[in-house]
């Protein structure tokens, strides 16, 4: 598997970048890791980097983007924070990755059994974590299926719904709060999609591949 160059990055379409992640996840699930010389990639990326995708995911130790999508050094920008939440610094990082560094795909990746989502659903308050978990609240408010007495971390269905909602809410915020990224998507320069990683199977389900509402295609 070759290291991406400026030429290969520029030649990619957003759809092709998404296909690379899908194929990588299929290899991961099938335990068919691509053949790479990582030390060679260290040398080849020493003068510059040309990642084809930018991935916002959780800090969960089971969800390393490079592993679950079978990517090498210099292939993806990886932004990791508990609950794959969004703030101004992360938006700025996304804008750099796509507008300046040429990334063609922006993926917001949630995962099942997320501790941050459980914490938010249980209204956990602890130091600076309180403010972080507050950013999951819009995803909880968007969940309309569960009756009030069952809206807590003990209800796996509620937690799952909030997890999926959180991905969509973050995507909506990216489009709303970053005119830079919204314009790039409108012009076809990038694609913004969501995904959910299943910690039991290793499989990623992708959302919003064809529409602009962040809903499953």
C-alpha atoms as a PDB file:
ATOM      1  CA  UNK A   1       0.000   0.000   0.000  1.00  0.00           C
ATOM      2  CA  UNK A   2       1.580   3.261  -1.153  1.00  0.00           C
ATOM      3  CA  UNK A   3       1.855   6.499   0.806  1.00  0.00           C
ATOM      4  CA  UNK A   4      -0.388   9.294  -0.424  1.00  0.00           C
ATOM      5  CA  UNK A   5       1.311  12.148  -2.270  1.00  0.00           C
ATOM      6  CA  UNK A   6       0.042  15.581  -3.235  1.00  0.00           C
ATOM      7  CA  UNK A   7      -0.781  14.213  -6.678  1.00  0.00           C
ATOM      8  CA  UNK A   8      -2.746  11.195  -5.448  1.00  0.00           C
ATOM      9  CA  UNK A   9      -4.600  13.318  -2.891  1.00  0.00           C
ATOM     10  CA  UNK A  10      -5.600  15.919  -5.467  1.00  0.00           C
ATOM     11  CA  UNK A  11      -6.757  13.264  -7.904  1.00  0.00           C
ATOM     12  CA  UNK A  12      -9.204  11.774  -5.403  1.00  0.00           C
ATOM     13  CA  UNK A  13     -12.902  12.562  -5.386  1.00  0.00           C
ATOM     14  CA  UNK A  14     -14.811  12.667  -2.088  1.00  0.00           C
ATOM     15  CA  UNK A  15     -16.644   9.506  -3.128  1.00  0.00           C
ATOM     16  CA  UNK A  16     -13.368   7.699  -3.750  1.00  0.00           C
ATOM     17  CA  UNK A  17     -12.066   8.821  -0.358  1.00  0.00           C
ATOM     18  CA  UNK A  18     -15.175   7.359   1.266  1.00  0.00           C
ATOM     19  CA  UNK A  19     -14.654   4.135  -0.660  1.00  0.00           C
ATOM     20  CA  UNK A  20     -11.108   3.906   0.707  1.00  0.00           C
ATOM     21  CA  UNK A  21     -12.501   3.977   4.268  1.00  0.00           C
ATOM     22  CA  UNK A  22     -15.191   1.423   3.463  1.00  0.00           C
ATOM     23  CA  UNK A  23     -12.673  -0.937   1.909  1.00  0.00           C
ATOM     24  CA  UNK A  24     -10.310  -0.442   4.835  1.00  0.00           C
ATOM     25  CA  UNK A  25     -13.010  -1.313   7.342  1.00  0.00           C
ATOM     26  CA  UNK A  26     -13.869  -4.424   5.353  1.00  0.00           C
ATOM     27  CA  UNK A  27     -10.218  -5.486   5.537  1.00  0.00           C
ATOM     28  CA  UNK A  28     -10.196  -4.818   9.283  1.00  0.00           C
ATOM     29  CA  UNK A  29     -13.323  -6.875   9.891  1.00  0.00           C
ATOM     30  CA  UNK A  30     -11.948  -9.661   7.725  1.00  0.00           C
ATOM     31  CA  UNK A  31      -8.548  -9.529   9.451  1.00  0.00           C
ATOM     32  CA  UNK A  32      -6.903  -8.855   6.079  1.00  0.00           C
ATOM     33  CA  UNK A  33      -4.510  -6.033   6.845  1.00  0.00           C
ATOM     34  CA  UNK A  34      -2.977  -4.268   3.841  1.00  0.00           C
ATOM     35  CA  UNK A  35       0.730  -4.792   3.313  1.00  0.00           C
ATOM     36  CA  UNK A  36       2.557  -1.632   4.386  1.00  0.00           C
ATOM     37  CA  UNK A  37       6.137  -0.705   5.200  1.00  0.00           C
ATOM     38  CA  UNK A  38       5.521   1.730   8.059  1.00  0.00           C
ATOM     39  CA  UNK A  39       9.167   2.687   8.393  1.00  0.00           C
ATOM     40  CA  UNK A  40       9.196   3.555   4.704  1.00  0.00           C
ATOM     41  CA  UNK A  41       6.087   5.670   5.251  1.00  0.00           C
ATOM     42  CA  UNK A  42       7.888   7.485   8.057  1.00  0.00           C
ATOM     43  CA  UNK A  43      10.545   8.480   5.533  1.00  0.00           C
ATOM     44  CA  UNK A  44       8.057   9.300   2.788  1.00  0.00           C
ATOM     45  CA  UNK A  45       5.990  11.593   5.019  1.00  0.00           C
ATOM     46  CA  UNK A  46       8.935  13.338   6.674  1.00  0.00           C
ATOM     47  CA  UNK A  47       8.706  16.332   4.315  1.00  0.00           C
ATOM     48  CA  UNK A  48       4.925  16.624   4.196  1.00  0.00           C
ATOM     49  CA  UNK A  49       1.544  14.952   4.617  1.00  0.00           C
ATOM     50  CA  UNK A  50      -1.403  14.553   2.270  1.00  0.00           C
ATOM     51  CA  UNK A  51      -4.244  12.796   4.153  1.00  0.00           C
ATOM     52  CA  UNK A  52      -7.323  12.010   2.083  1.00  0.00           C
ATOM     53  CA  UNK A  53      -9.787  12.008   5.014  1.00  0.00           C
ATOM     54  CA  UNK A  54     -10.420  13.725   8.328  1.00  0.00           C
ATOM     55  CA  UNK A  55     -12.094  11.687  11.060  1.00  0.00           C
ATOM     56  CA  UNK A  56     -13.628  13.008  14.274  1.00  0.00           C
ATOM     57  CA  UNK A  57     -13.989  10.101  16.682  1.00  0.00           C
ATOM     58  CA  UNK A  58     -14.037   9.301  20.396  1.00  0.00           C
ATOM     59  CA  UNK A  59     -10.963   8.812  22.591  1.00  0.00           C
ATOM     60  CA  UNK A  60     -12.214   5.303  23.377  1.00  0.00           C
ATOM     61  CA  UNK A  61      -9.245   2.917  23.252  1.00  0.00           C
ATOM     62  CA  UNK A  62     -11.150   0.560  20.934  1.00  0.00           C
ATOM     63  CA  UNK A  63     -11.799   3.096  18.178  1.00  0.00           C
ATOM     64  CA  UNK A  64      -8.457   4.068  16.644  1.00  0.00           C
ATOM     65  CA  UNK A  65      -9.316   5.320  13.149  1.00  0.00           C
ATOM     66  CA  UNK A  66      -6.061   4.143  11.613  1.00  0.00           C
ATOM     67  CA  UNK A  67      -6.753   0.605  12.823  1.00  0.00           C
ATOM     68  CA  UNK A  68     -10.476   0.194  12.146  1.00  0.00           C
ATOM     69  CA  UNK A  69     -10.075   1.636   8.636  1.00  0.00           C
ATOM     70  CA  UNK A  70      -6.727  -0.077   8.004  1.00  0.00           C
ATOM     71  CA  UNK A  71      -4.865   3.107   7.108  1.00  0.00           C
ATOM     72  CA  UNK A  72      -1.182   3.940   7.324  1.00  0.00           C
ATOM     73  CA  UNK A  73       0.955   6.917   8.258  1.00  0.00           C
ATOM     74  CA  UNK A  74      -0.086  10.109   6.499  1.00  0.00           C
ATOM     75  CA  UNK A  75      -3.449   8.755   5.307  1.00  0.00           C
ATOM     76  CA  UNK A  76      -5.942  10.403   7.681  1.00  0.00           C
ATOM     77  CA  UNK A  77      -6.240  13.314  10.056  1.00  0.00           C
ATOM     78  CA  UNK A  78      -7.503  11.849  13.324  1.00  0.00           C
ATOM     79  CA  UNK A  79      -9.341  14.130  15.759  1.00  0.00           C
ATOM     80  CA  UNK A  80     -10.247  12.358  18.984  1.00  0.00           C
ATOM     81  CA  UNK A  81     -12.278  13.596  21.934  1.00  0.00           C
ATOM     82  CA  UNK A  82     -14.674  11.913  24.370  1.00  0.00           C
ATOM     83  CA  UNK A  83     -18.112  11.526  22.822  1.00  0.00           C
ATOM     84  CA  UNK A  84     -16.851  12.792  19.434  1.00  0.00           C
ATOM     85  CA  UNK A  85     -18.278  16.169  20.438  1.00  0.00           C
ATOM     86  CA  UNK A  86     -17.621  19.448  18.627  1.00  0.00           C
ATOM     87  CA  UNK A  87     -16.118  22.753  19.734  1.00  0.00           C
ATOM     88  CA  UNK A  88     -14.481  25.739  18.059  1.00  0.00           C
ATOM     89  CA  UNK A  89     -10.977  24.295  18.202  1.00  0.00           C
ATOM     90  CA  UNK A  90     -12.131  21.081  16.537  1.00  0.00           C
ATOM     91  CA  UNK A  91     -13.946  23.059  13.842  1.00  0.00           C
ATOM     92  CA  UNK A  92     -10.763  24.993  13.212  1.00  0.00           C
ATOM     93  CA  UNK A  93      -8.823  21.745  12.936  1.00  0.00           C
ATOM     94  CA  UNK A  94     -11.359  20.449  10.410  1.00  0.00           C
ATOM     95  CA  UNK A  95     -11.098  23.624   8.364  1.00  0.00           C
ATOM     96  CA  UNK A  96      -7.313  23.337   8.314  1.00  0.00           C
ATOM     97  CA  UNK A  97      -7.479  19.678   7.323  1.00  0.00           C
ATOM     98  CA  UNK A  98      -9.884  20.232   4.437  1.00  0.00           C
ATOM     99  CA  UNK A  99      -9.303  23.776   3.186  1.00  0.00           C
ATOM    100  CA  UNK A 100      -5.566  24.034   3.756  1.00  0.00           C
ATOM    101  CA  UNK A 101      -4.266  20.469   3.725  1.00  0.00           C
ATOM    102  CA  UNK A 102      -6.582  19.113   1.033  1.00  0.00           C
ATOM    103  CA  UNK A 103      -8.558  16.377   2.805  1.00  0.00           C
ATOM    104  CA  UNK A 104     -11.501  15.239   0.656  1.00  0.00           C
ATOM    105  CA  UNK A 105     -13.716  13.592   3.261  1.00  0.00           C
ATOM    106  CA  UNK A 106     -14.943  14.573   6.716  1.00  0.00           C
ATOM    107  CA  UNK A 107     -16.277  11.698   8.812  1.00  0.00           C
ATOM    108  CA  UNK A 108     -17.962  12.087  12.201  1.00  0.00           C
ATOM    109  CA  UNK A 109     -17.630   8.669  13.810  1.00  0.00           C
ATOM    110  CA  UNK A 110     -19.545   7.588  16.890  1.00  0.00           C
ATOM    111  CA  UNK A 111     -19.401   4.136  18.454  1.00  0.00           C
ATOM    112  CA  UNK A 112     -21.592   1.769  20.423  1.00  0.00           C
ATOM    113  CA  UNK A 113     -21.250   1.471  24.196  1.00  0.00           C
ATOM    114  CA  UNK A 114     -19.686   4.937  24.445  1.00  0.00           C
ATOM    115  CA  UNK A 115     -18.860   5.913  28.017  1.00  0.00           C
ATOM    116  CA  UNK A 116     -19.367   9.606  27.322  1.00  0.00           C
ATOM    117  CA  UNK A 117     -22.858   8.963  25.979  1.00  0.00           C
ATOM    118  CA  UNK A 118     -23.709   6.799  28.987  1.00  0.00           C
ATOM    119  CA  UNK A 119     -22.407   9.572  31.230  1.00  0.00           C
ATOM    120  CA  UNK A 120     -24.510  12.206  29.500  1.00  0.00           C
ATOM    121  CA  UNK A 121     -27.620   9.997  29.666  1.00  0.00           C
ATOM    122  CA  UNK A 122     -27.019   9.545  33.406  1.00  0.00           C
ATOM    123  CA  UNK A 123     -26.458  13.290  33.881  1.00  0.00           C
ATOM    124  CA  UNK A 124     -22.977  12.760  35.310  1.00  0.00           C
ATOM    125  CA  UNK A 125     -21.295  15.877  36.696  1.00  0.00           C
ATOM    126  CA  UNK A 126     -17.576  15.880  37.491  1.00  0.00           C
ATOM    127  CA  UNK A 127     -15.144  18.742  37.058  1.00  0.00           C
ATOM    128  CA  UNK A 128     -14.543  19.756  33.467  1.00  0.00           C
ATOM    129  CA  UNK A 129     -16.306  16.631  32.238  1.00  0.00           C
ATOM    130  CA  UNK A 130     -19.611  18.328  33.093  1.00  0.00           C
ATOM    131  CA  UNK A 131     -19.206  20.887  30.306  1.00  0.00           C
ATOM    132  CA  UNK A 132     -18.123  18.243  27.803  1.00  0.00           C
ATOM    133  CA  UNK A 133     -21.114  15.997  28.462  1.00  0.00           C
ATOM    134  CA  UNK A 134     -23.442  18.991  28.196  1.00  0.00           C
ATOM    135  CA  UNK A 135     -22.615  19.041  24.470  1.00  0.00           C
ATOM    136  CA  UNK A 136     -24.401  15.685  24.104  1.00  0.00           C
ATOM    137  CA  UNK A 137     -27.670  17.169  25.417  1.00  0.00           C
ATOM    138  CA  UNK A 138     -29.023  18.161  21.950  1.00  0.00           C
ATOM    139  CA  UNK A 139     -28.762  14.511  20.908  1.00  0.00           C
ATOM    140  CA  UNK A 140     -30.710  13.493  23.999  1.00  0.00           C
ATOM    141  CA  UNK A 141     -33.372  16.127  23.356  1.00  0.00           C
ATOM    142  CA  UNK A 142     -33.728  14.868  19.774  1.00  0.00           C
ATOM    143  CA  UNK A 143     -34.607  11.384  21.032  1.00  0.00           C
ATOM    144  CA  UNK A 144     -38.413  11.261  21.137  1.00  0.00           C
ATOM    145  CA  UNK A 145     -39.132   7.523  21.379  1.00  0.00           C
ATOM    146  CA  UNK A 146     -38.316   6.883  25.029  1.00  0.00           C
ATOM    147  CA  UNK A 147     -40.698   7.795  27.871  1.00  0.00           C
ATOM    148  CA  UNK A 148     -39.330  10.085  30.630  1.00  0.00           C
ATOM    149  CA  UNK A 149     -38.929   7.360  33.240  1.00  0.00           C
ATOM    150  CA  UNK A 150     -36.700   5.320  30.913  1.00  0.00           C
ATOM    151  CA  UNK A 151     -34.408   8.095  29.640  1.00  0.00           C
ATOM    152  CA  UNK A 152     -31.192   7.063  31.365  1.00  0.00           C
ATOM    153  CA  UNK A 153     -28.006   5.089  30.839  1.00  0.00           C
ATOM    154  CA  UNK A 154     -29.659   1.902  32.009  1.00  0.00           C
ATOM    155  CA  UNK A 155     -31.763   1.803  28.859  1.00  0.00           C
ATOM    156  CA  UNK A 156     -29.518   0.477  26.074  1.00  0.00           C
ATOM    157  CA  UNK A 157     -31.988   1.422  23.338  1.00  0.00           C
ATOM    158  CA  UNK A 158     -32.125   5.014  24.560  1.00  0.00           C
ATOM    159  CA  UNK A 159     -28.319   5.164  24.736  1.00  0.00           C
ATOM    160  CA  UNK A 160     -28.039   3.768  21.201  1.00  0.00           C
ATOM    161  CA  UNK A 161     -30.525   6.300  19.830  1.00  0.00           C
ATOM    162  CA  UNK A 162     -28.672   9.146  21.520  1.00  0.00           C
ATOM    163  CA  UNK A 163     -25.369   7.849  20.132  1.00  0.00           C
ATOM    164  CA  UNK A 164     -26.705   7.937  16.572  1.00  0.00           C
ATOM    165  CA  UNK A 165     -28.395  11.298  17.141  1.00  0.00           C
ATOM    166  CA  UNK A 166     -25.120  12.703  18.430  1.00  0.00           C
ATOM    167  CA  UNK A 167     -23.402  11.905  15.139  1.00  0.00           C
ATOM    168  CA  UNK A 168     -26.139  13.677  13.171  1.00  0.00           C
ATOM    169  CA  UNK A 169     -26.182  16.650  15.559  1.00  0.00           C
ATOM    170  CA  UNK A 170     -22.424  17.129  15.209  1.00  0.00           C
ATOM    171  CA  UNK A 171     -22.686  17.009  11.411  1.00  0.00           C
ATOM    172  CA  UNK A 172     -25.489  19.589  11.496  1.00  0.00           C
ATOM    173  CA  UNK A 173     -23.343  21.837  13.670  1.00  0.00           C
ATOM    174  CA  UNK A 174     -20.352  21.489  11.350  1.00  0.00           C
ATOM    175  CA  UNK A 175     -22.456  22.678   8.415  1.00  0.00           C
ATOM    176  CA  UNK A 176     -24.094  25.435  10.434  1.00  0.00           C
ATOM    177  CA  UNK A 177     -21.058  26.785  12.282  1.00  0.00           C
ATOM    178  CA  UNK A 178     -18.392  26.455   9.574  1.00  0.00           C
ATOM    179  CA  UNK A 179     -19.220  28.366   6.385  1.00  0.00           C
ATOM    180  CA  UNK A 180     -15.824  27.226   5.100  1.00  0.00           C
ATOM    181  CA  UNK A 181     -16.716  23.542   5.263  1.00  0.00           C
ATOM    182  CA  UNK A 182     -20.340  24.078   4.233  1.00  0.00           C
ATOM    183  CA  UNK A 183     -19.225  25.880   1.078  1.00  0.00           C
ATOM    184  CA  UNK A 184     -16.670  23.180   0.285  1.00  0.00           C
ATOM    185  CA  UNK A 185     -19.362  20.535   0.572  1.00  0.00           C
ATOM    186  CA  UNK A 186     -21.779  22.566  -1.546  1.00  0.00           C
ATOM    187  CA  UNK A 187     -19.116  22.942  -4.230  1.00  0.00           C
ATOM    188  CA  UNK A 188     -18.351  19.220  -4.231  1.00  0.00           C
ATOM    189  CA  UNK A 189     -14.829  19.679  -2.875  1.00  0.00           C
ATOM    190  CA  UNK A 190     -15.512  17.512   0.159  1.00  0.00           C
ATOM    191  CA  UNK A 191     -18.122  15.112   1.458  1.00  0.00           C
ATOM    192  CA  UNK A 192     -19.366  15.229   5.073  1.00  0.00           C
ATOM    193  CA  UNK A 193     -20.711  11.923   6.370  1.00  0.00           C
ATOM    194  CA  UNK A 194     -21.399  10.178   9.652  1.00  0.00           C
ATOM    195  CA  UNK A 195     -20.666   6.696  10.867  1.00  0.00           C
ATOM    196  CA  UNK A 196     -21.146   4.349  13.784  1.00  0.00           C
ATOM    197  CA  UNK A 197     -18.520   1.814  14.843  1.00  0.00           C
ATOM    198  CA  UNK A 198     -19.794  -1.353  16.500  1.00  0.00           C
ATOM    199  CA  UNK A 199     -17.352  -2.344  19.259  1.00  0.00           C
ATOM    200  CA  UNK A 200     -18.637  -5.922  19.155  1.00  0.00           C
ATOM    201  CA  UNK A 201     -18.168  -6.582  15.437  1.00  0.00           C
ATOM    202  CA  UNK A 202     -15.664  -3.980  14.254  1.00  0.00           C
ATOM    203  CA  UNK A 203     -18.098  -2.958  11.512  1.00  0.00           C
ATOM    204  CA  UNK A 204     -18.758   0.681  10.606  1.00  0.00           C
ATOM    205  CA  UNK A 205     -22.204   1.753   9.403  1.00  0.00           C
ATOM    206  CA  UNK A 206     -22.110   4.948   7.347  1.00  0.00           C
ATOM    207  CA  UNK A 207     -24.761   7.689   7.354  1.00  0.00           C
ATOM    208  CA  UNK A 208     -25.560  10.590   5.040  1.00  0.00           C
ATOM    209  CA  UNK A 209     -23.765   9.440   1.930  1.00  0.00           C
ATOM    210  CA  UNK A 210     -26.129  11.027  -0.569  1.00  0.00           C
ATOM    211  CA  UNK A 211     -28.314  13.565   1.174  1.00  0.00           C
ATOM    212  CA  UNK A 212     -27.558  16.784   3.013  1.00  0.00           C
ATOM    213  CA  UNK A 213     -29.499  15.995   6.154  1.00  0.00           C
ATOM    214  CA  UNK A 214     -27.094  13.538   7.706  1.00  0.00           C
ATOM    215  CA  UNK A 215     -29.617  10.710   7.485  1.00  0.00           C
ATOM    216  CA  UNK A 216     -28.820   7.184   6.308  1.00  0.00           C
ATOM    217  CA  UNK A 217     -28.627   6.982   2.538  1.00  0.00           C
END
